[in-house]
Amino acid sequence: MTKAAERPRCSWGAIDPLLRDYHDTEWGTPLHDDRQLFEFLCLEGAQAGLSWRTVLAKRERYRKVFHDFDIARVAAMKDRELEKLLLDPGIIRNRLKVFATRDNAITALGVIEEFGSLDRYLWSFVDGQPLVNRWADSGSVPASTPLSDGMSKAMKKRGFRFVGSTILYSLMQATGMINDHVVTCFRHKACSPKKA
């Protein structure tokens, strides 16, 4: 076993190499880039009803067919392009999810115009600072919270799709708005705000 494999981590992050790499390098790291935040918003929506591993395995194809999640380019995609994607086995071929990607890009452009960035809007739900939890084990981590409930309601009102409370809680975890690494995980401290 390598030293990396022996590190203490969240139980789900030790399942296989793909999940381990994602857990060790991305999940929970505070993210502020609009393109990357939009990517996670789309991929978390695509995951609905499926496993995150399934989405991760298709991530590179998603990046290719959705213009590396360039928000303006995705917003400009035509119906015929989206229809063609429904034949692509490299992504999840769910009509509602595929079309929601473009619809969410259009809505995100409106948010960017109003707030200055998607980052500023999304992070406003946590007052711009990561919320740090101290879970003893992965089984204690909730699937949603009153915070994600409120975020879901607000985003649906703006016209975002596939933004249920559970999806948005996963988004907040993935992008570091919430640090849900268990306290024994080597990533817990790394993903917590540094004390001034």
C-alpha atoms as a PDB file:
ATOM      1  CA  MET A   1       0.000   0.000   0.000  1.00  0.00           C
ATOM      2  CA  THR A   2       1.217   3.510  -0.774  1.00  0.00           C
ATOM      3  CA  LYS A   3       1.421   6.231   1.854  1.00  0.00           C
ATOM      4  CA  ALA A   4      -1.392   8.107   0.077  1.00  0.00           C
ATOM      5  CA  ALA A   5      -3.687   5.075   0.362  1.00  0.00           C
ATOM      6  CA  GLU A   6      -2.894   4.762   4.092  1.00  0.00           C
ATOM      7  CA  ARG A   7      -3.893   8.336   4.951  1.00  0.00           C
ATOM      8  CA  PRO A   8      -6.942   8.705   7.209  1.00  0.00           C
ATOM      9  CA  ARG A   9      -9.812   9.999   5.070  1.00  0.00           C
ATOM     10  CA  CYS A  10     -13.588  10.072   4.815  1.00  0.00           C
ATOM     11  CA  SER A  11     -14.831   6.509   4.262  1.00  0.00           C
ATOM     12  CA  TRP A  12     -16.356   7.235   0.826  1.00  0.00           C
ATOM     13  CA  GLY A  13     -13.009   8.643  -0.333  1.00  0.00           C
ATOM     14  CA  ALA A  14     -11.290   5.295   0.065  1.00  0.00           C
ATOM     15  CA  ILE A  15     -13.634   3.285  -2.171  1.00  0.00           C
ATOM     16  CA  ASP A  16     -11.590   3.392  -5.374  1.00  0.00           C
ATOM     17  CA  PRO A  17      -8.799   5.423  -7.012  1.00  0.00           C
ATOM     18  CA  LEU A  18     -11.155   7.790  -8.892  1.00  0.00           C
ATOM     19  CA  LEU A  19     -13.072   8.774  -5.757  1.00  0.00           C
ATOM     20  CA  ARG A  20      -9.887   8.853  -3.682  1.00  0.00           C
ATOM     21  CA  ASP A  21      -8.193  11.294  -6.044  1.00  0.00           C
ATOM     22  CA  TYR A  22     -11.301  13.511  -6.125  1.00  0.00           C
ATOM     23  CA  HIS A  23     -11.600  13.413  -2.324  1.00  0.00           C
ATOM     24  CA  ASP A  24      -7.909  14.124  -1.779  1.00  0.00           C
ATOM     25  CA  THR A  25      -7.516  16.967  -4.271  1.00  0.00           C
ATOM     26  CA  GLU A  26     -10.891  18.656  -4.813  1.00  0.00           C
ATOM     27  CA  TRP A  27     -13.804  17.865  -2.514  1.00  0.00           C
ATOM     28  CA  GLY A  28     -14.219  20.503   0.154  1.00  0.00           C
ATOM     29  CA  THR A  29     -11.604  22.891  -1.215  1.00  0.00           C
ATOM     30  CA  PRO A  30     -13.054  26.442  -1.267  1.00  0.00           C
ATOM     31  CA  LEU A  31     -13.714  27.282  -4.908  1.00  0.00           C
ATOM     32  CA  HIS A  32     -14.327  30.775  -6.265  1.00  0.00           C
ATOM     33  CA  ASP A  33     -13.976  30.456 -10.041  1.00  0.00           C
ATOM     34  CA  ASP A  34     -17.282  31.037 -11.865  1.00  0.00           C
ATOM     35  CA  ARG A  35     -16.587  28.469 -14.577  1.00  0.00           C
ATOM     36  CA  GLN A  36     -15.692  25.782 -12.054  1.00  0.00           C
ATOM     37  CA  LEU A  37     -18.656  26.624  -9.832  1.00  0.00           C
ATOM     38  CA  PHE A  38     -20.936  26.344 -12.860  1.00  0.00           C
ATOM     39  CA  GLU A  39     -19.365  23.002 -13.732  1.00  0.00           C
ATOM     40  CA  PHE A  40     -20.133  21.659 -10.265  1.00  0.00           C
ATOM     41  CA  LEU A  41     -23.676  23.042 -10.403  1.00  0.00           C
ATOM     42  CA  CYS A  42     -24.247  21.149 -13.672  1.00  0.00           C
ATOM     43  CA  LEU A  43     -22.553  17.935 -12.599  1.00  0.00           C
ATOM     44  CA  GLU A  44     -24.334  17.826  -9.244  1.00  0.00           C
ATOM     45  CA  GLY A  45     -27.628  18.204 -11.125  1.00  0.00           C
ATOM     46  CA  ALA A  46     -26.618  15.462 -13.549  1.00  0.00           C
ATOM     47  CA  GLN A  47     -25.925  13.183 -10.604  1.00  0.00           C
ATOM     48  CA  ALA A  48     -29.522  13.303  -9.312  1.00  0.00           C
ATOM     49  CA  GLY A  49     -30.593   9.689  -8.803  1.00  0.00           C
ATOM     50  CA  LEU A  50     -27.144   8.332  -9.692  1.00  0.00           C
ATOM     51  CA  SER A  51     -23.786   7.864  -7.998  1.00  0.00           C
ATOM     52  CA  TRP A  52     -21.163  10.616  -7.943  1.00  0.00           C
ATOM     53  CA  ARG A  53     -18.659   8.072  -9.257  1.00  0.00           C
ATOM     54  CA  THR A  54     -20.752   7.680 -12.411  1.00  0.00           C
ATOM     55  CA  VAL A  55     -20.619  11.440 -12.987  1.00  0.00           C
ATOM     56  CA  LEU A  56     -16.883  11.662 -12.270  1.00  0.00           C
ATOM     57  CA  ALA A  57     -16.203   8.937 -14.828  1.00  0.00           C
ATOM     58  CA  LYS A  58     -18.020  11.026 -17.463  1.00  0.00           C
ATOM     59  CA  ARG A  59     -16.640  14.405 -16.377  1.00  0.00           C
ATOM     60  CA  GLU A  60     -14.108  14.854 -19.183  1.00  0.00           C
ATOM     61  CA  ARG A  61     -16.742  14.171 -21.813  1.00  0.00           C
ATOM     62  CA  TYR A  62     -19.058  16.683 -20.148  1.00  0.00           C
ATOM     63  CA  ARG A  63     -16.291  19.263 -20.308  1.00  0.00           C
ATOM     64  CA  LYS A  64     -15.784  18.589 -23.997  1.00  0.00           C
ATOM     65  CA  VAL A  65     -19.419  18.714 -25.101  1.00  0.00           C
ATOM     66  CA  PHE A  66     -20.331  21.664 -22.859  1.00  0.00           C
ATOM     67  CA  HIS A  67     -17.431  23.896 -23.939  1.00  0.00           C
ATOM     68  CA  ASP A  68     -15.455  23.381 -20.707  1.00  0.00           C
ATOM     69  CA  PHE A  69     -18.485  24.866 -18.919  1.00  0.00           C
ATOM     70  CA  ASP A  70     -17.910  28.331 -20.334  1.00  0.00           C
ATOM     71  CA  ILE A  71     -21.171  29.869 -19.116  1.00  0.00           C
ATOM     72  CA  ALA A  72     -21.771  32.179 -22.085  1.00  0.00           C
ATOM     73  CA  ARG A  73     -21.028  29.440 -24.632  1.00  0.00           C
ATOM     74  CA  VAL A  74     -23.321  26.951 -22.893  1.00  0.00           C
ATOM     75  CA  ALA A  75     -26.078  29.590 -22.697  1.00  0.00           C
ATOM     76  CA  ALA A  76     -25.803  30.033 -26.476  1.00  0.00           C
ATOM     77  CA  MET A  77     -26.191  26.327 -27.306  1.00  0.00           C
ATOM     78  CA  LYS A  78     -29.010  25.585 -29.743  1.00  0.00           C
ATOM     79  CA  ASP A  79     -31.718  22.956 -29.289  1.00  0.00           C
ATOM     80  CA  ARG A  80     -30.248  20.889 -32.131  1.00  0.00           C
ATOM     81  CA  GLU A  81     -26.875  20.703 -30.327  1.00  0.00           C
ATOM     82  CA  LEU A  82     -28.568  19.530 -27.148  1.00  0.00           C
ATOM     83  CA  GLU A  83     -30.662  16.988 -29.067  1.00  0.00           C
ATOM     84  CA  LYS A  84     -27.452  15.592 -30.561  1.00  0.00           C
ATOM     85  CA  LEU A  85     -25.987  15.208 -27.067  1.00  0.00           C
ATOM     86  CA  LEU A  86     -28.858  12.899 -26.150  1.00  0.00           C
ATOM     87  CA  LEU A  87     -27.177  10.315 -28.419  1.00  0.00           C
ATOM     88  CA  ASP A  88     -23.769  10.655 -26.724  1.00  0.00           C
ATOM     89  CA  PRO A  89     -23.032   7.688 -24.400  1.00  0.00           C
ATOM     90  CA  GLY A  90     -20.233   9.718 -22.796  1.00  0.00           C
ATOM     91  CA  ILE A  91     -22.727  11.753 -20.787  1.00  0.00           C
ATOM     92  CA  ILE A  92     -25.920  11.033 -18.869  1.00  0.00           C
ATOM     93  CA  ARG A  93     -28.542  11.093 -21.620  1.00  0.00           C
ATOM     94  CA  ASN A  94     -31.441  12.520 -19.687  1.00  0.00           C
ATOM     95  CA  ARG A  95     -33.293  15.149 -21.720  1.00  0.00           C
ATOM     96  CA  LEU A  96     -34.310  17.242 -18.717  1.00  0.00           C
ATOM     97  CA  LYS A  97     -30.784  17.288 -17.321  1.00  0.00           C
ATOM     98  CA  VAL A  98     -29.141  18.077 -20.671  1.00  0.00           C
ATOM     99  CA  PHE A  99     -31.507  20.972 -21.416  1.00  0.00           C
ATOM    100  CA  ALA A 100     -31.253  22.205 -17.810  1.00  0.00           C
ATOM    101  CA  THR A 101     -27.523  22.712 -18.340  1.00  0.00           C
ATOM    102  CA  ARG A 102     -28.214  25.380 -20.958  1.00  0.00           C
ATOM    103  CA  ASP A 103     -31.125  26.848 -18.983  1.00  0.00           C
ATOM    104  CA  ASN A 104     -28.940  27.128 -15.894  1.00  0.00           C
ATOM    105  CA  ALA A 105     -26.236  28.858 -17.931  1.00  0.00           C
ATOM    106  CA  ILE A 106     -28.776  31.448 -19.093  1.00  0.00           C
ATOM    107  CA  THR A 107     -29.944  31.959 -15.511  1.00  0.00           C
ATOM    108  CA  ALA A 108     -26.332  32.141 -14.288  1.00  0.00           C
ATOM    109  CA  LEU A 109     -25.628  34.957 -16.751  1.00  0.00           C
ATOM    110  CA  GLY A 110     -28.458  36.932 -15.163  1.00  0.00           C
ATOM    111  CA  VAL A 111     -27.041  36.267 -11.704  1.00  0.00           C
ATOM    112  CA  ILE A 112     -23.580  37.391 -12.853  1.00  0.00           C
ATOM    113  CA  GLU A 113     -25.055  40.603 -14.250  1.00  0.00           C
ATOM    114  CA  GLU A 114     -26.845  41.283 -10.958  1.00  0.00           C
ATOM    115  CA  PHE A 115     -24.202  40.182  -8.442  1.00  0.00           C
ATOM    116  CA  GLY A 116     -20.985  40.623 -10.424  1.00  0.00           C
ATOM    117  CA  SER A 117     -20.158  36.906 -10.340  1.00  0.00           C
ATOM    118  CA  LEU A 118     -21.715  33.507  -9.794  1.00  0.00           C
ATOM    119  CA  ASP A 119     -19.167  33.112  -7.005  1.00  0.00           C
ATOM    120  CA  ARG A 120     -20.495  36.116  -5.087  1.00  0.00           C
ATOM    121  CA  TYR A 121     -24.067  34.874  -5.408  1.00  0.00           C
ATOM    122  CA  LEU A 122     -23.453  31.265  -4.362  1.00  0.00           C
ATOM    123  CA  TRP A 123     -21.110  32.127  -1.507  1.00  0.00           C
ATOM    124  CA  SER A 124     -23.601  34.682  -0.170  1.00  0.00           C
ATOM    125  CA  PHE A 125     -25.568  31.739   1.241  1.00  0.00           C
ATOM    126  CA  VAL A 126     -22.691  31.095   3.682  1.00  0.00           C
ATOM    127  CA  ASP A 127     -21.796  34.779   4.153  1.00  0.00           C
ATOM    128  CA  GLY A 128     -18.657  34.332   2.071  1.00  0.00           C
ATOM    129  CA  GLN A 129     -16.937  31.978   4.538  1.00  0.00           C
ATOM    130  CA  PRO A 130     -16.808  28.162   4.665  1.00  0.00           C
ATOM    131  CA  LEU A 131     -18.916  26.560   7.369  1.00  0.00           C
ATOM    132  CA  VAL A 132     -16.792  23.984   9.182  1.00  0.00           C
ATOM    133  CA  ASN A 133     -18.488  20.929  10.634  1.00  0.00           C
ATOM    134  CA  ARG A 134     -16.857  18.445  12.971  1.00  0.00           C
ATOM    135  CA  TRP A 135     -18.352  15.061  12.138  1.00  0.00           C
ATOM    136  CA  ALA A 136     -16.930  11.977  13.833  1.00  0.00           C
ATOM    137  CA  ASP A 137     -17.868   9.692  10.937  1.00  0.00           C
ATOM    138  CA  SER A 138     -19.258   9.953   7.391  1.00  0.00           C
ATOM    139  CA  GLY A 139     -22.544   8.388   8.498  1.00  0.00           C
ATOM    140  CA  SER A 140     -23.285  11.494  10.586  1.00  0.00           C
ATOM    141  CA  VAL A 141     -23.118  13.881   7.619  1.00  0.00           C
ATOM    142  CA  PRO A 142     -26.608  15.049   6.571  1.00  0.00           C
ATOM    143  CA  ALA A 143     -27.931  14.934   3.000  1.00  0.00           C
ATOM    144  CA  SER A 144     -29.500  18.387   3.351  1.00  0.00           C
ATOM    145  CA  THR A 145     -29.974  21.124   5.938  1.00  0.00           C
ATOM    146  CA  PRO A 146     -32.240  24.140   6.483  1.00  0.00           C
ATOM    147  CA  LEU A 147     -29.489  26.179   4.781  1.00  0.00           C
ATOM    148  CA  SER A 148     -29.620  24.060   1.615  1.00  0.00           C
ATOM    149  CA  ASP A 149     -33.440  24.145   1.799  1.00  0.00           C
ATOM    150  CA  GLY A 150     -33.362  27.950   1.706  1.00  0.00           C
ATOM    151  CA  MET A 151     -30.727  28.024  -1.025  1.00  0.00           C
ATOM    152  CA  SER A 152     -32.836  25.654  -3.126  1.00  0.00           C
ATOM    153  CA  LYS A 153     -35.942  27.797  -2.718  1.00  0.00           C
ATOM    154  CA  ALA A 154     -34.039  30.964  -3.679  1.00  0.00           C
ATOM    155  CA  MET A 155     -32.378  29.406  -6.720  1.00  0.00           C
ATOM    156  CA  LYS A 156     -35.585  27.817  -7.992  1.00  0.00           C
ATOM    157  CA  LYS A 157     -37.264  31.216  -7.718  1.00  0.00           C
ATOM    158  CA  ARG A 158     -34.570  32.621 -10.017  1.00  0.00           C
ATOM    159  CA  GLY A 159     -35.216  29.865 -12.562  1.00  0.00           C
ATOM    160  CA  PHE A 160     -32.379  27.432 -11.874  1.00  0.00           C
ATOM    161  CA  ARG A 161     -33.268  23.776 -12.490  1.00  0.00           C
ATOM    162  CA  PHE A 162     -32.069  20.580 -10.762  1.00  0.00           C
ATOM    163  CA  VAL A 163     -31.306  22.577  -7.636  1.00  0.00           C
ATOM    164  CA  GLY A 164     -33.096  20.579  -4.961  1.00  0.00           C
ATOM    165  CA  SER A 165     -31.876  20.816  -1.384  1.00  0.00           C
ATOM    166  CA  THR A 166     -29.830  17.592  -1.510  1.00  0.00           C
ATOM    167  CA  ILE A 167     -28.173  18.586  -4.803  1.00  0.00           C
ATOM    168  CA  LEU A 168     -27.245  21.995  -3.407  1.00  0.00           C
ATOM    169  CA  TYR A 169     -25.927  20.553  -0.155  1.00  0.00           C
ATOM    170  CA  SER A 170     -23.645  18.345  -2.273  1.00  0.00           C
ATOM    171  CA  LEU A 171     -22.622  21.434  -4.255  1.00  0.00           C
ATOM    172  CA  MET A 172     -21.735  23.285  -1.061  1.00  0.00           C
ATOM    173  CA  GLN A 173     -19.692  20.320   0.167  1.00  0.00           C
ATOM    174  CA  ALA A 174     -17.888  19.872  -3.148  1.00  0.00           C
ATOM    175  CA  THR A 175     -16.962  23.547  -3.536  1.00  0.00           C
ATOM    176  CA  GLY A 176     -15.873  24.095   0.042  1.00  0.00           C
ATOM    177  CA  MET A 177     -18.763  26.274   1.162  1.00  0.00           C
ATOM    178  CA  ILE A 178     -19.226  23.594   3.806  1.00  0.00           C
ATOM    179  CA  ASN A 179     -16.356  21.495   5.133  1.00  0.00           C
ATOM    180  CA  ASP A 180     -17.855  18.069   5.764  1.00  0.00           C
ATOM    181  CA  HIS A 181     -14.607  16.115   5.916  1.00  0.00           C
ATOM    182  CA  VAL A 182     -14.732  14.061   9.110  1.00  0.00           C
ATOM    183  CA  VAL A 183     -12.418  15.330  11.844  1.00  0.00           C
ATOM    184  CA  THR A 184     -10.066  12.357  11.485  1.00  0.00           C
ATOM    185  CA  CYS A 185      -9.654  12.950   7.734  1.00  0.00           C
ATOM    186  CA  PHE A 186      -6.347  14.497   6.694  1.00  0.00           C
ATOM    187  CA  ARG A 187      -8.296  16.974   4.516  1.00  0.00           C
ATOM    188  CA  HIS A 188     -10.404  18.437   7.350  1.00  0.00           C
ATOM    189  CA  LYS A 189      -7.759  20.909   8.494  1.00  0.00           C
ATOM    190  CA  ALA A 190      -6.609  21.720   4.956  1.00  0.00           C
ATOM    191  CA  CYS A 191     -10.163  22.700   3.935  1.00  0.00           C
ATOM    192  CA  SER A 192     -10.824  24.844   7.027  1.00  0.00           C
ATOM    193  CA  PRO A 193     -10.268  28.615   6.979  1.00  0.00           C
ATOM    194  CA  LYS A 194      -6.900  29.663   8.342  1.00  0.00           C
ATOM    195  CA  LYS A 195      -7.011  31.600  11.595  1.00  0.00           C
ATOM    196  CA  ALA A 196      -5.848  35.216  11.282  1.00  0.00           C
END
